[in-house]
Amino acid sequence: MMSERFPAADFDAWAAHYDASVQHSEFPFTGYTAALDCVMRRAAARSGESLLDLGTGTGLLAVRFAALGCSVWATDFSPAMLQKARLRLPQAELVLHDLNSPWPAVLNRRFDRIVSSYVFHHFPDAQKQALILELVQQRLSPGGKLILADISFADRSGWQSAEALAGEAWEEELYWTASEMLPALQMQGLRAEYEQVSYCAGVYEIEAGSG
């Protein structure tokens, strides 16, 4: 139940052509590959480290970490998406899980890196922040990083410019605005950085504060 607005059945129907759709250069996937590249660079993961990918879809991001030799866990709330991911990630631990639901026992451990791509814009900002705080405090290993790629804008002006540029492709969803999100995360004692990689895609790097 990601939300009543985003039922799993819609993502099940999308699974068959998801890989092709994210390669299109139009909104909301302009910069998709660059965003995943940025996640990899910022994660700086090494062979043998543990990696959790939240909302893995068909596994396009997780498979990059598997190729590095990471131990991969991944979740999604769409059975059809996970079925596709299993073909790409035969050695990974894949878990059917909705981020609105209680944490599954099989994932009751800490990870060296937690990543996600194009998932958190389904949540209101307050829920984004609460989930981020929980992940950093309860799911990351010491020195670990949380890296999130998504539809995001540097500020409200960037949001408005993107809306005009996207034209009829624009859909009004719960997108990120870095100028508002970064101070909110820092108020929670987290270290957070942001990188804009296209007019509508950005990457957040978050870790525990030093205090």
N, C-alpha and C. Protein backbone atom coordinates (compact mmCIF):
# COMPACT_ATOMS: atom_id res chain seq x y z
N MET A 1 0.81 -1.21 0.00
CA MET A 1 0.00 0.00 0.00
C MET A 1 0.84 1.26 0.00
N MET A 2 1.74 1.39 -0.97
CA MET A 2 2.59 2.57 -1.01
C MET A 2 1.74 3.81 -0.78
N SER A 3 0.59 3.83 -1.33
CA SER A 3 -0.40 4.85 -1.07
C SER A 3 -1.59 4.54 -1.95
N GLU A 4 -2.72 5.13 -1.59
CA GLU A 4 -3.88 4.91 -2.44
C GLU A 4 -3.65 5.49 -3.84
N ARG A 5 -2.80 6.49 -3.93
CA ARG A 5 -2.52 7.09 -5.23
C ARG A 5 -1.58 6.24 -6.07
N PHE A 6 -0.81 5.36 -5.43
CA PHE A 6 0.20 4.58 -6.12
C PHE A 6 0.05 3.11 -5.78
N PRO A 7 -1.00 2.45 -6.26
CA PRO A 7 -1.22 1.04 -5.93
C PRO A 7 -0.18 0.14 -6.59
N ALA A 8 0.14 -0.97 -5.90
CA ALA A 8 1.13 -1.90 -6.43
C ALA A 8 0.72 -2.44 -7.79
N ALA A 9 -0.57 -2.59 -8.01
CA ALA A 9 -1.04 -3.13 -9.29
C ALA A 9 -0.60 -2.27 -10.46
N ASP A 10 -0.52 -0.95 -10.27
CA ASP A 10 -0.06 -0.08 -11.34
C ASP A 10 1.40 -0.37 -11.70
N PHE A 11 2.20 -0.67 -10.68
CA PHE A 11 3.61 -0.96 -10.91
C PHE A 11 3.78 -2.37 -11.47
N ASP A 12 2.91 -3.28 -11.09
CA ASP A 12 2.92 -4.61 -11.71
C ASP A 12 2.72 -4.49 -13.22
N ALA A 13 1.77 -3.65 -13.61
CA ALA A 13 1.47 -3.47 -15.03
C ALA A 13 2.63 -2.79 -15.76
N TRP A 14 3.39 -1.98 -15.04
CA TRP A 14 4.50 -1.22 -15.62
C TRP A 14 5.75 -2.09 -15.78
N ALA A 15 5.85 -3.17 -15.02
CA ALA A 15 7.10 -3.93 -14.93
C ALA A 15 7.62 -4.39 -16.28
N ALA A 16 6.73 -4.81 -17.16
CA ALA A 16 7.15 -5.38 -18.44
C ALA A 16 7.91 -4.38 -19.31
N HIS A 17 7.57 -3.09 -19.20
CA HIS A 17 8.23 -2.10 -20.05
C HIS A 17 8.93 -1.01 -19.24
N TYR A 18 9.18 -1.29 -17.96
CA TYR A 18 9.81 -0.29 -17.09
C TYR A 18 11.20 0.09 -17.60
N ASP A 19 12.02 -0.91 -17.92
CA ASP A 19 13.40 -0.63 -18.33
C ASP A 19 13.45 0.31 -19.53
N ALA A 20 12.58 0.09 -20.47
CA ALA A 20 12.55 0.95 -21.65
C ALA A 20 12.06 2.35 -21.32
N SER A 21 11.07 2.44 -20.43
CA SER A 21 10.47 3.75 -20.15
C SER A 21 11.43 4.68 -19.45
N VAL A 22 12.30 4.16 -18.58
CA VAL A 22 13.21 5.05 -17.85
C VAL A 22 14.37 5.52 -18.72
N GLN A 23 14.54 4.92 -19.87
CA GLN A 23 15.60 5.36 -20.78
C GLN A 23 15.18 6.55 -21.64
N HIS A 24 13.89 6.88 -21.62
CA HIS A 24 13.43 8.03 -22.39
C HIS A 24 13.97 9.32 -21.78
N SER A 25 14.20 10.29 -22.59
CA SER A 25 14.81 11.53 -22.12
C SER A 25 13.78 12.55 -21.63
N GLU A 26 12.49 12.18 -21.67
CA GLU A 26 11.47 13.14 -21.28
C GLU A 26 11.21 13.08 -19.78
N PHE A 27 10.57 14.13 -19.26
CA PHE A 27 10.14 14.16 -17.88
C PHE A 27 9.24 12.95 -17.60
N PRO A 28 9.37 12.27 -16.45
CA PRO A 28 10.23 12.62 -15.31
C PRO A 28 11.58 11.93 -15.31
N PHE A 29 11.97 11.27 -16.41
CA PHE A 29 13.19 10.47 -16.40
C PHE A 29 14.37 11.12 -17.11
N THR A 30 14.29 12.41 -17.38
CA THR A 30 15.45 13.11 -17.91
C THR A 30 16.58 13.03 -16.89
N GLY A 31 17.71 12.49 -17.29
CA GLY A 31 18.83 12.37 -16.38
C GLY A 31 18.85 11.11 -15.55
N TYR A 32 17.99 10.13 -15.89
CA TYR A 32 17.90 8.90 -15.09
C TYR A 32 19.25 8.19 -14.97
N THR A 33 19.91 7.95 -16.08
CA THR A 33 21.19 7.24 -16.03
C THR A 33 22.25 8.05 -15.29
N ALA A 34 22.25 9.36 -15.50
CA ALA A 34 23.20 10.22 -14.79
C ALA A 34 22.94 10.17 -13.28
N ALA A 35 21.67 10.07 -12.88
CA ALA A 35 21.35 9.99 -11.46
C ALA A 35 21.88 8.69 -10.85
N LEU A 36 21.71 7.57 -11.56
CA LEU A 36 22.25 6.31 -11.06
C LEU A 36 23.77 6.34 -11.03
N ASP A 37 24.39 6.96 -12.03
CA ASP A 37 25.85 7.11 -12.02
C ASP A 37 26.29 7.90 -10.79
N CYS A 38 25.55 8.94 -10.46
CA CYS A 38 25.88 9.77 -9.30
C CYS A 38 25.74 8.98 -8.01
N VAL A 39 24.71 8.16 -7.91
CA VAL A 39 24.55 7.31 -6.72
C VAL A 39 25.77 6.42 -6.55
N MET A 40 26.21 5.80 -7.62
CA MET A 40 27.38 4.92 -7.55
C MET A 40 28.62 5.68 -7.11
N ARG A 41 28.82 6.84 -7.67
CA ARG A 41 30.01 7.63 -7.32
C ARG A 41 29.99 8.04 -5.86
N ARG A 42 28.85 8.52 -5.41
CA ARG A 42 28.76 8.98 -4.04
C ARG A 42 28.77 7.83 -3.03
N ALA A 43 28.22 6.70 -3.40
CA ALA A 43 28.22 5.55 -2.49
C ALA A 43 29.64 5.03 -2.28
N ALA A 44 30.45 5.05 -3.32
CA ALA A 44 31.84 4.58 -3.23
C ALA A 44 31.91 3.22 -2.55
N ALA A 45 31.03 2.31 -2.95
CA ALA A 45 30.96 1.00 -2.32
C ALA A 45 32.11 0.11 -2.78
N ARG A 46 32.44 -0.88 -1.93
CA ARG A 46 33.51 -1.81 -2.23
C ARG A 46 33.01 -3.24 -2.14
N SER A 47 33.73 -4.13 -2.78
CA SER A 47 33.39 -5.55 -2.75
C SER A 47 33.32 -6.04 -1.31
N GLY A 48 32.30 -6.82 -1.02
CA GLY A 48 32.12 -7.37 0.32
C GLY A 48 31.24 -6.54 1.22
N GLU A 49 30.96 -5.29 0.84
CA GLU A 49 30.09 -4.46 1.66
C GLU A 49 28.63 -4.84 1.42
N SER A 50 27.79 -4.54 2.39
CA SER A 50 26.36 -4.85 2.29
C SER A 50 25.61 -3.65 1.76
N LEU A 51 24.63 -3.93 0.90
CA LEU A 51 23.89 -2.88 0.19
C LEU A 51 22.40 -3.20 0.24
N LEU A 52 21.60 -2.22 0.64
CA LEU A 52 20.15 -2.34 0.61
C LEU A 52 19.59 -1.33 -0.38
N ASP A 53 18.81 -1.82 -1.34
CA ASP A 53 18.17 -0.96 -2.33
C ASP A 53 16.67 -0.97 -2.06
N LEU A 54 16.14 0.18 -1.69
CA LEU A 54 14.72 0.32 -1.35
C LEU A 54 13.91 0.70 -2.58
N GLY A 55 12.90 -0.10 -2.91
CA GLY A 55 12.11 0.15 -4.11
C GLY A 55 12.93 -0.13 -5.35
N THR A 56 13.49 -1.31 -5.41
CA THR A 56 14.47 -1.64 -6.45
C THR A 56 13.89 -1.71 -7.85
N GLY A 57 12.56 -1.84 -7.98
CA GLY A 57 11.99 -1.98 -9.31
C GLY A 57 12.50 -3.25 -9.98
N THR A 58 13.03 -3.12 -11.17
CA THR A 58 13.58 -4.28 -11.89
C THR A 58 15.05 -4.50 -11.59
N GLY A 59 15.60 -3.77 -10.63
CA GLY A 59 16.96 -4.00 -10.19
C GLY A 59 18.03 -3.25 -10.95
N LEU A 60 17.68 -2.20 -11.67
CA LEU A 60 18.65 -1.49 -12.50
C LEU A 60 19.77 -0.84 -11.70
N LEU A 61 19.46 -0.37 -10.50
CA LEU A 61 20.50 0.21 -9.64
C LEU A 61 21.22 -0.88 -8.85
N ALA A 62 20.47 -1.80 -8.28
CA ALA A 62 21.07 -2.83 -7.43
C ALA A 62 22.07 -3.68 -8.20
N VAL A 63 21.81 -3.95 -9.47
CA VAL A 63 22.72 -4.81 -10.23
C VAL A 63 24.10 -4.18 -10.38
N ARG A 64 24.17 -2.87 -10.34
CA ARG A 64 25.46 -2.20 -10.42
C ARG A 64 26.31 -2.52 -9.18
N PHE A 65 25.66 -2.54 -8.02
CA PHE A 65 26.37 -2.86 -6.79
C PHE A 65 26.73 -4.35 -6.73
N ALA A 66 25.86 -5.19 -7.25
CA ALA A 66 26.17 -6.62 -7.32
C ALA A 66 27.42 -6.85 -8.16
N ALA A 67 27.55 -6.09 -9.24
CA ALA A 67 28.71 -6.23 -10.12
C ALA A 67 30.01 -5.83 -9.43
N LEU A 68 29.90 -4.97 -8.41
CA LEU A 68 31.08 -4.58 -7.63
C LEU A 68 31.49 -5.65 -6.62
N GLY A 69 30.61 -6.62 -6.40
CA GLY A 69 30.88 -7.64 -5.40
C GLY A 69 30.23 -7.36 -4.06
N CYS A 70 29.28 -6.44 -4.02
CA CYS A 70 28.54 -6.17 -2.79
C CYS A 70 27.54 -7.29 -2.52
N SER A 71 27.22 -7.50 -1.24
CA SER A 71 26.12 -8.37 -0.86
C SER A 71 24.85 -7.54 -0.92
N VAL A 72 23.91 -7.93 -1.77
CA VAL A 72 22.77 -7.08 -2.09
C VAL A 72 21.48 -7.61 -1.48
N TRP A 73 20.77 -6.72 -0.79
CA TRP A 73 19.38 -6.92 -0.38
C TRP A 73 18.55 -5.86 -1.12
N ALA A 74 17.34 -6.18 -1.48
CA ALA A 74 16.52 -5.21 -2.20
C ALA A 74 15.05 -5.45 -1.89
N THR A 75 14.29 -4.37 -1.86
CA THR A 75 12.86 -4.46 -1.60
C THR A 75 12.07 -3.82 -2.73
N ASP A 76 10.83 -4.25 -2.85
CA ASP A 76 9.86 -3.55 -3.69
C ASP A 76 8.47 -4.01 -3.24
N PHE A 77 7.46 -3.18 -3.50
CA PHE A 77 6.11 -3.57 -3.10
C PHE A 77 5.32 -4.16 -4.27
N SER A 78 5.99 -4.26 -5.43
CA SER A 78 5.35 -4.83 -6.62
C SER A 78 5.90 -6.22 -6.89
N PRO A 79 5.09 -7.27 -6.79
CA PRO A 79 5.57 -8.62 -7.09
C PRO A 79 6.13 -8.76 -8.50
N ALA A 80 5.51 -8.10 -9.46
CA ALA A 80 5.98 -8.21 -10.85
C ALA A 80 7.34 -7.55 -11.02
N MET A 81 7.56 -6.41 -10.36
CA MET A 81 8.88 -5.78 -10.41
C MET A 81 9.93 -6.70 -9.80
N LEU A 82 9.62 -7.29 -8.66
CA LEU A 82 10.58 -8.18 -8.02
C LEU A 82 10.88 -9.41 -8.87
N GLN A 83 9.88 -9.89 -9.59
CA GLN A 83 10.10 -11.02 -10.48
C GLN A 83 11.13 -10.66 -11.55
N LYS A 84 11.03 -9.45 -12.08
CA LYS A 84 12.02 -8.98 -13.05
C LYS A 84 13.39 -8.83 -12.39
N ALA A 85 13.41 -8.30 -11.18
CA ALA A 85 14.68 -8.10 -10.47
C ALA A 85 15.37 -9.42 -10.19
N ARG A 86 14.61 -10.47 -9.91
CA ARG A 86 15.21 -11.77 -9.62
C ARG A 86 15.98 -12.31 -10.82
N LEU A 87 15.52 -12.01 -12.01
CA LEU A 87 16.24 -12.44 -13.21
C LEU A 87 17.59 -11.73 -13.31
N ARG A 88 17.64 -10.50 -12.85
CA ARG A 88 18.85 -9.69 -12.94
C ARG A 88 19.77 -9.91 -11.74
N LEU A 89 19.18 -10.32 -10.62
CA LEU A 89 19.92 -10.42 -9.35
C LEU A 89 19.69 -11.79 -8.70
N PRO A 90 20.16 -12.86 -9.32
CA PRO A 90 19.86 -14.19 -8.79
C PRO A 90 20.44 -14.47 -7.41
N GLN A 91 21.52 -13.78 -7.04
CA GLN A 91 22.16 -14.02 -5.74
C GLN A 91 21.67 -13.07 -4.64
N ALA A 92 20.84 -12.11 -4.99
CA ALA A 92 20.42 -11.10 -4.01
C ALA A 92 19.29 -11.63 -3.14
N GLU A 93 19.14 -11.02 -1.98
CA GLU A 93 18.02 -11.28 -1.08
C GLU A 93 16.94 -10.25 -1.42
N LEU A 94 15.87 -10.69 -2.06
CA LEU A 94 14.80 -9.80 -2.49
C LEU A 94 13.59 -9.98 -1.60
N VAL A 95 13.03 -8.85 -1.16
CA VAL A 95 11.97 -8.87 -0.15
C VAL A 95 10.78 -8.04 -0.64
N LEU A 96 9.60 -8.65 -0.65
CA LEU A 96 8.38 -7.91 -0.96
C LEU A 96 8.01 -7.07 0.25
N HIS A 97 8.08 -5.75 0.10
CA HIS A 97 7.86 -4.87 1.25
C HIS A 97 7.43 -3.48 0.80
N ASP A 98 6.43 -2.96 1.48
CA ASP A 98 5.94 -1.60 1.30
C ASP A 98 6.58 -0.73 2.37
N LEU A 99 7.18 0.38 1.98
CA LEU A 99 7.86 1.24 2.95
C LEU A 99 6.92 1.87 3.97
N ASN A 100 5.62 1.78 3.74
CA ASN A 100 4.65 2.23 4.74
C ASN A 100 4.40 1.17 5.81
N SER A 101 4.89 -0.05 5.60
CA SER A 101 4.59 -1.17 6.49
C SER A 101 5.72 -1.39 7.48
N PRO A 102 5.46 -2.17 8.55
CA PRO A 102 6.52 -2.48 9.52
C PRO A 102 7.73 -3.12 8.84
N TRP A 103 8.90 -2.85 9.40
CA TRP A 103 10.14 -3.37 8.84
C TRP A 103 10.16 -4.89 8.91
N PRO A 104 10.46 -5.58 7.80
CA PRO A 104 10.45 -7.04 7.81
C PRO A 104 11.62 -7.63 8.60
N ALA A 105 11.38 -8.75 9.27
CA ALA A 105 12.40 -9.35 10.13
C ALA A 105 13.66 -9.71 9.36
N VAL A 106 13.53 -10.13 8.11
CA VAL A 106 14.69 -10.54 7.33
C VAL A 106 15.66 -9.38 7.08
N LEU A 107 15.17 -8.15 7.22
CA LEU A 107 16.02 -6.97 7.04
C LEU A 107 16.41 -6.34 8.36
N ASN A 108 16.22 -7.05 9.44
CA ASN A 108 16.53 -6.51 10.77
C ASN A 108 18.03 -6.62 11.03
N ARG A 109 18.78 -5.80 10.34
CA ARG A 109 20.23 -5.75 10.41
C ARG A 109 20.67 -4.38 9.90
N ARG A 110 21.97 -4.12 9.93
CA ARG A 110 22.49 -2.86 9.42
C ARG A 110 23.25 -3.09 8.12
N PHE A 111 23.30 -2.02 7.32
CA PHE A 111 23.89 -2.10 5.99
C PHE A 111 24.96 -1.03 5.83
N ASP A 112 26.00 -1.35 5.05
CA ASP A 112 27.06 -0.37 4.80
C ASP A 112 26.57 0.77 3.91
N ARG A 113 25.69 0.45 2.98
CA ARG A 113 25.11 1.46 2.11
C ARG A 113 23.62 1.16 1.93
N ILE A 114 22.81 2.20 1.98
CA ILE A 114 21.40 2.09 1.62
C ILE A 114 21.15 3.07 0.49
N VAL A 115 20.51 2.60 -0.57
CA VAL A 115 20.25 3.44 -1.73
C VAL A 115 18.79 3.31 -2.14
N SER A 116 18.36 4.24 -2.95
CA SER A 116 17.01 4.19 -3.51
C SER A 116 16.96 5.13 -4.71
N SER A 117 16.16 4.77 -5.69
CA SER A 117 16.02 5.63 -6.87
C SER A 117 14.56 5.76 -7.27
N TYR A 118 14.11 7.00 -7.36
CA TYR A 118 12.78 7.33 -7.87
C TYR A 118 11.67 6.65 -7.05
N VAL A 119 11.79 6.75 -5.74
CA VAL A 119 10.81 6.15 -4.83
C VAL A 119 10.25 7.18 -3.85
N PHE A 120 11.12 7.98 -3.25
CA PHE A 120 10.70 8.82 -2.12
C PHE A 120 9.76 9.94 -2.52
N HIS A 121 9.66 10.25 -3.81
CA HIS A 121 8.70 11.30 -4.21
C HIS A 121 7.25 10.84 -4.06
N HIS A 122 7.05 9.59 -3.66
CA HIS A 122 5.70 9.13 -3.37
C HIS A 122 5.25 9.49 -1.96
N PHE A 123 6.15 10.07 -1.15
CA PHE A 123 5.85 10.38 0.24
C PHE A 123 5.86 11.89 0.50
N PRO A 124 5.00 12.37 1.39
CA PRO A 124 5.09 13.77 1.81
C PRO A 124 6.45 14.05 2.46
N ASP A 125 6.86 15.30 2.48
CA ASP A 125 8.17 15.64 3.01
C ASP A 125 8.37 15.17 4.45
N ALA A 126 7.36 15.31 5.29
CA ALA A 126 7.50 14.88 6.69
C ALA A 126 7.77 13.39 6.77
N GLN A 127 7.14 12.61 5.90
CA GLN A 127 7.37 11.17 5.89
C GLN A 127 8.74 10.85 5.30
N LYS A 128 9.15 11.59 4.28
CA LYS A 128 10.52 11.43 3.77
C LYS A 128 11.52 11.59 4.91
N GLN A 129 11.37 12.68 5.65
CA GLN A 129 12.32 12.98 6.72
C GLN A 129 12.30 11.92 7.81
N ALA A 130 11.12 11.46 8.20
CA ALA A 130 11.02 10.44 9.24
C ALA A 130 11.66 9.13 8.79
N LEU A 131 11.44 8.75 7.56
CA LEU A 131 12.01 7.52 7.04
C LEU A 131 13.52 7.63 6.93
N ILE A 132 14.01 8.77 6.45
CA ILE A 132 15.45 8.99 6.35
C ILE A 132 16.10 8.88 7.72
N LEU A 133 15.50 9.51 8.73
CA LEU A 133 16.06 9.48 10.08
C LEU A 133 16.11 8.05 10.61
N GLU A 134 15.04 7.30 10.39
CA GLU A 134 15.02 5.91 10.84
C GLU A 134 16.10 5.10 10.14
N LEU A 135 16.23 5.27 8.84
CA LEU A 135 17.23 4.51 8.10
C LEU A 135 18.64 4.80 8.59
N VAL A 136 18.96 6.06 8.79
CA VAL A 136 20.30 6.42 9.23
C VAL A 136 20.56 5.93 10.66
N GLN A 137 19.60 6.12 11.55
CA GLN A 137 19.81 5.78 12.95
C GLN A 137 19.72 4.29 13.24
N GLN A 138 18.87 3.58 12.51
CA GLN A 138 18.58 2.20 12.87
C GLN A 138 19.02 1.17 11.83
N ARG A 139 19.30 1.59 10.60
CA ARG A 139 19.58 0.62 9.55
C ARG A 139 20.98 0.73 8.95
N LEU A 140 21.65 1.86 9.14
CA LEU A 140 22.99 2.04 8.58
C LEU A 140 24.05 1.57 9.57
N SER A 141 25.10 0.95 9.05
CA SER A 141 26.27 0.63 9.86
C SER A 141 27.03 1.92 10.16
N PRO A 142 27.83 1.94 11.23
CA PRO A 142 28.66 3.13 11.50
C PRO A 142 29.51 3.48 10.30
N GLY A 143 29.49 4.74 9.92
CA GLY A 143 30.22 5.19 8.75
C GLY A 143 29.50 4.95 7.44
N GLY A 144 28.29 4.41 7.51
CA GLY A 144 27.52 4.12 6.30
C GLY A 144 26.92 5.37 5.68
N LYS A 145 26.43 5.20 4.45
CA LYS A 145 25.82 6.30 3.72
C LYS A 145 24.45 5.89 3.19
N LEU A 146 23.55 6.86 3.17
CA LEU A 146 22.25 6.73 2.52
C LEU A 146 22.27 7.63 1.29
N ILE A 147 22.06 7.04 0.12
CA ILE A 147 22.12 7.80 -1.14
C ILE A 147 20.78 7.65 -1.86
N LEU A 148 20.12 8.77 -2.13
CA LEU A 148 18.78 8.75 -2.71
C LEU A 148 18.75 9.57 -3.99
N ALA A 149 18.39 8.93 -5.09
CA ALA A 149 18.18 9.63 -6.36
C ALA A 149 16.69 9.75 -6.61
N ASP A 150 16.26 10.90 -7.10
CA ASP A 150 14.82 11.06 -7.29
C ASP A 150 14.54 12.30 -8.15
N ILE A 151 13.26 12.49 -8.41
CA ILE A 151 12.79 13.70 -9.07
C ILE A 151 12.90 14.81 -8.04
N SER A 152 13.76 15.77 -8.28
CA SER A 152 14.08 16.75 -7.25
C SER A 152 14.60 18.04 -7.90
N PHE A 153 14.45 19.14 -7.15
CA PHE A 153 14.82 20.45 -7.64
C PHE A 153 15.61 21.19 -6.58
N ALA A 154 16.50 22.05 -7.01
CA ALA A 154 17.33 22.79 -6.06
C ALA A 154 16.50 23.70 -5.17
N ASP A 155 15.46 24.30 -5.75
CA ASP A 155 14.61 25.23 -5.01
C ASP A 155 13.27 25.34 -5.74
N ARG A 156 12.39 26.17 -5.21
CA ARG A 156 11.06 26.31 -5.82
C ARG A 156 11.13 26.92 -7.21
N SER A 157 12.11 27.75 -7.45
CA SER A 157 12.27 28.31 -8.78
C SER A 157 12.62 27.20 -9.78
N GLY A 158 13.49 26.30 -9.37
CA GLY A 158 13.82 25.17 -10.22
C GLY A 158 12.63 24.28 -10.49
N TRP A 159 11.78 24.09 -9.47
CA TRP A 159 10.54 23.32 -9.62
C TRP A 159 9.66 23.97 -10.70
N GLN A 160 9.47 25.29 -10.58
CA GLN A 160 8.60 26.00 -11.51
C GLN A 160 9.16 25.97 -12.93
N SER A 161 10.48 26.11 -13.06
CA SER A 161 11.10 26.04 -14.38
C SER A 161 10.93 24.66 -15.00
N ALA A 162 11.07 23.62 -14.16
CA ALA A 162 10.91 22.25 -14.64
C ALA A 162 9.47 22.00 -15.09
N GLU A 163 8.53 22.52 -14.34
CA GLU A 163 7.13 22.35 -14.71
C GLU A 163 6.85 22.97 -16.08
N ALA A 164 7.41 24.15 -16.30
CA ALA A 164 7.22 24.82 -17.60
C ALA A 164 7.91 24.04 -18.72
N LEU A 165 9.10 23.52 -18.43
CA LEU A 165 9.85 22.80 -19.45
C LEU A 165 9.19 21.47 -19.79
N ALA A 166 8.65 20.79 -18.77
CA ALA A 166 8.03 19.47 -18.99
C ALA A 166 6.74 19.58 -19.78
N GLY A 167 6.04 20.69 -19.64
CA GLY A 167 4.80 20.90 -20.39
C GLY A 167 3.75 19.85 -20.05
N GLU A 168 3.18 19.24 -21.07
CA GLU A 168 2.09 18.29 -20.86
C GLU A 168 2.55 17.01 -20.16
N ALA A 169 3.84 16.74 -20.13
CA ALA A 169 4.35 15.55 -19.45
C ALA A 169 4.37 15.71 -17.94
N TRP A 170 4.23 16.94 -17.44
CA TRP A 170 4.31 17.20 -16.00
C TRP A 170 3.17 16.52 -15.26
N GLU A 171 3.51 15.89 -14.14
CA GLU A 171 2.52 15.33 -13.21
C GLU A 171 2.82 15.90 -11.83
N GLU A 172 1.79 16.34 -11.15
CA GLU A 172 1.98 16.96 -9.84
C GLU A 172 2.08 15.86 -8.79
N GLU A 173 3.30 15.66 -8.28
CA GLU A 173 3.53 14.66 -7.24
C GLU A 173 4.33 15.28 -6.11
N LEU A 174 4.77 14.46 -5.16
CA LEU A 174 5.39 14.95 -3.93
C LEU A 174 6.91 15.04 -4.11
N TYR A 175 7.33 15.88 -5.05
CA TYR A 175 8.74 15.97 -5.39
C TYR A 175 9.55 16.65 -4.28
N TRP A 176 10.86 16.48 -4.36
CA TRP A 176 11.77 17.08 -3.39
C TRP A 176 12.14 18.51 -3.81
N THR A 177 12.43 19.33 -2.80
CA THR A 177 13.05 20.63 -3.01
C THR A 177 14.24 20.71 -2.05
N ALA A 178 15.44 20.70 -2.60
CA ALA A 178 16.64 20.61 -1.76
C ALA A 178 16.77 21.77 -0.79
N SER A 179 16.38 22.97 -1.22
CA SER A 179 16.53 24.14 -0.35
C SER A 179 15.68 24.03 0.90
N GLU A 180 14.64 23.20 0.86
CA GLU A 180 13.80 22.97 2.03
C GLU A 180 14.20 21.69 2.77
N MET A 181 14.58 20.66 2.01
CA MET A 181 14.88 19.38 2.63
C MET A 181 16.20 19.37 3.38
N LEU A 182 17.24 19.98 2.82
CA LEU A 182 18.55 19.93 3.47
C LEU A 182 18.53 20.55 4.87
N PRO A 183 17.98 21.75 5.05
CA PRO A 183 17.95 22.30 6.41
C PRO A 183 17.13 21.43 7.38
N ALA A 184 16.04 20.83 6.89
CA ALA A 184 15.22 19.98 7.74
C ALA A 184 16.01 18.76 8.21
N LEU A 185 16.78 18.17 7.32
CA LEU A 185 17.59 17.01 7.70
C LEU A 185 18.71 17.41 8.64
N GLN A 186 19.33 18.54 8.38
CA GLN A 186 20.41 19.01 9.24
C GLN A 186 19.90 19.35 10.64
N MET A 187 18.66 19.81 10.74
CA MET A 187 18.05 20.05 12.05
C MET A 187 17.88 18.76 12.83
N GLN A 188 17.81 17.64 12.14
CA GLN A 188 17.70 16.33 12.78
C GLN A 188 19.07 15.77 13.16
N GLY A 189 20.11 16.54 12.95
CA GLY A 189 21.45 16.10 13.30
C GLY A 189 22.13 15.27 12.24
N LEU A 190 21.62 15.31 11.01
CA LEU A 190 22.19 14.53 9.92
C LEU A 190 23.09 15.41 9.05
N ARG A 191 24.06 14.79 8.44
CA ARG A 191 24.86 15.45 7.41
C ARG A 191 24.21 15.16 6.06
N ALA A 192 23.97 16.18 5.27
CA ALA A 192 23.26 15.98 4.01
C ALA A 192 23.83 16.89 2.94
N GLU A 193 24.05 16.32 1.76
CA GLU A 193 24.49 17.07 0.59
C GLU A 193 23.55 16.76 -0.57
N TYR A 194 23.54 17.67 -1.53
CA TYR A 194 22.64 17.50 -2.68
C TYR A 194 23.38 17.84 -3.96
N GLU A 195 23.09 17.06 -5.02
CA GLU A 195 23.67 17.32 -6.33
C GLU A 195 22.58 17.24 -7.39
N GLN A 196 22.40 18.30 -8.15
CA GLN A 196 21.44 18.31 -9.26
C GLN A 196 22.12 17.71 -10.48
N VAL A 197 21.48 16.71 -11.09
CA VAL A 197 22.13 16.04 -12.23
C VAL A 197 21.39 16.27 -13.55
N SER A 198 20.16 16.74 -13.48
CA SER A 198 19.43 17.18 -14.66
C SER A 198 18.40 18.19 -14.17
N TYR A 199 17.61 18.73 -15.08
CA TYR A 199 16.66 19.75 -14.64
C TYR A 199 15.60 19.19 -13.70
N CYS A 200 15.45 17.85 -13.67
CA CYS A 200 14.42 17.28 -12.81
C CYS A 200 14.93 16.11 -11.95
N ALA A 201 16.22 15.86 -11.95
CA ALA A 201 16.76 14.73 -11.18
C ALA A 201 17.88 15.23 -10.26
N GLY A 202 17.87 14.72 -9.05
CA GLY A 202 18.91 15.08 -8.09
C GLY A 202 19.22 13.91 -7.18
N VAL A 203 20.36 14.03 -6.48
CA VAL A 203 20.84 12.96 -5.61
C VAL A 203 21.19 13.55 -4.25
N TYR A 204 20.68 12.91 -3.20
CA TYR A 204 20.96 13.29 -1.82
C TYR A 204 21.92 12.27 -1.21
N GLU A 205 22.95 12.74 -0.57
CA GLU A 205 23.88 11.91 0.19
C GLU A 205 23.72 12.26 1.67
N ILE A 206 23.37 11.29 2.49
CA ILE A 206 23.00 11.54 3.88
C ILE A 206 23.73 10.56 4.78
N GLU A 207 24.20 11.04 5.90
CA GLU A 207 24.84 10.17 6.88
C GLU A 207 24.66 10.77 8.28
N ALA A 208 25.01 9.98 9.27
CA ALA A 208 24.88 10.44 10.64
C ALA A 208 25.79 11.63 10.89
N GLY A 209 25.32 12.54 11.71
CA GLY A 209 26.14 13.68 12.08
C GLY A 209 27.26 13.29 13.03
N SER A 210 28.18 14.20 13.26
CA SER A 210 29.33 13.89 14.10
C SER A 210 29.05 14.11 15.58
N GLY A 211 27.89 14.71 15.87
CA GLY A 211 27.59 15.04 17.26
C GLY A 211 27.07 13.86 18.05
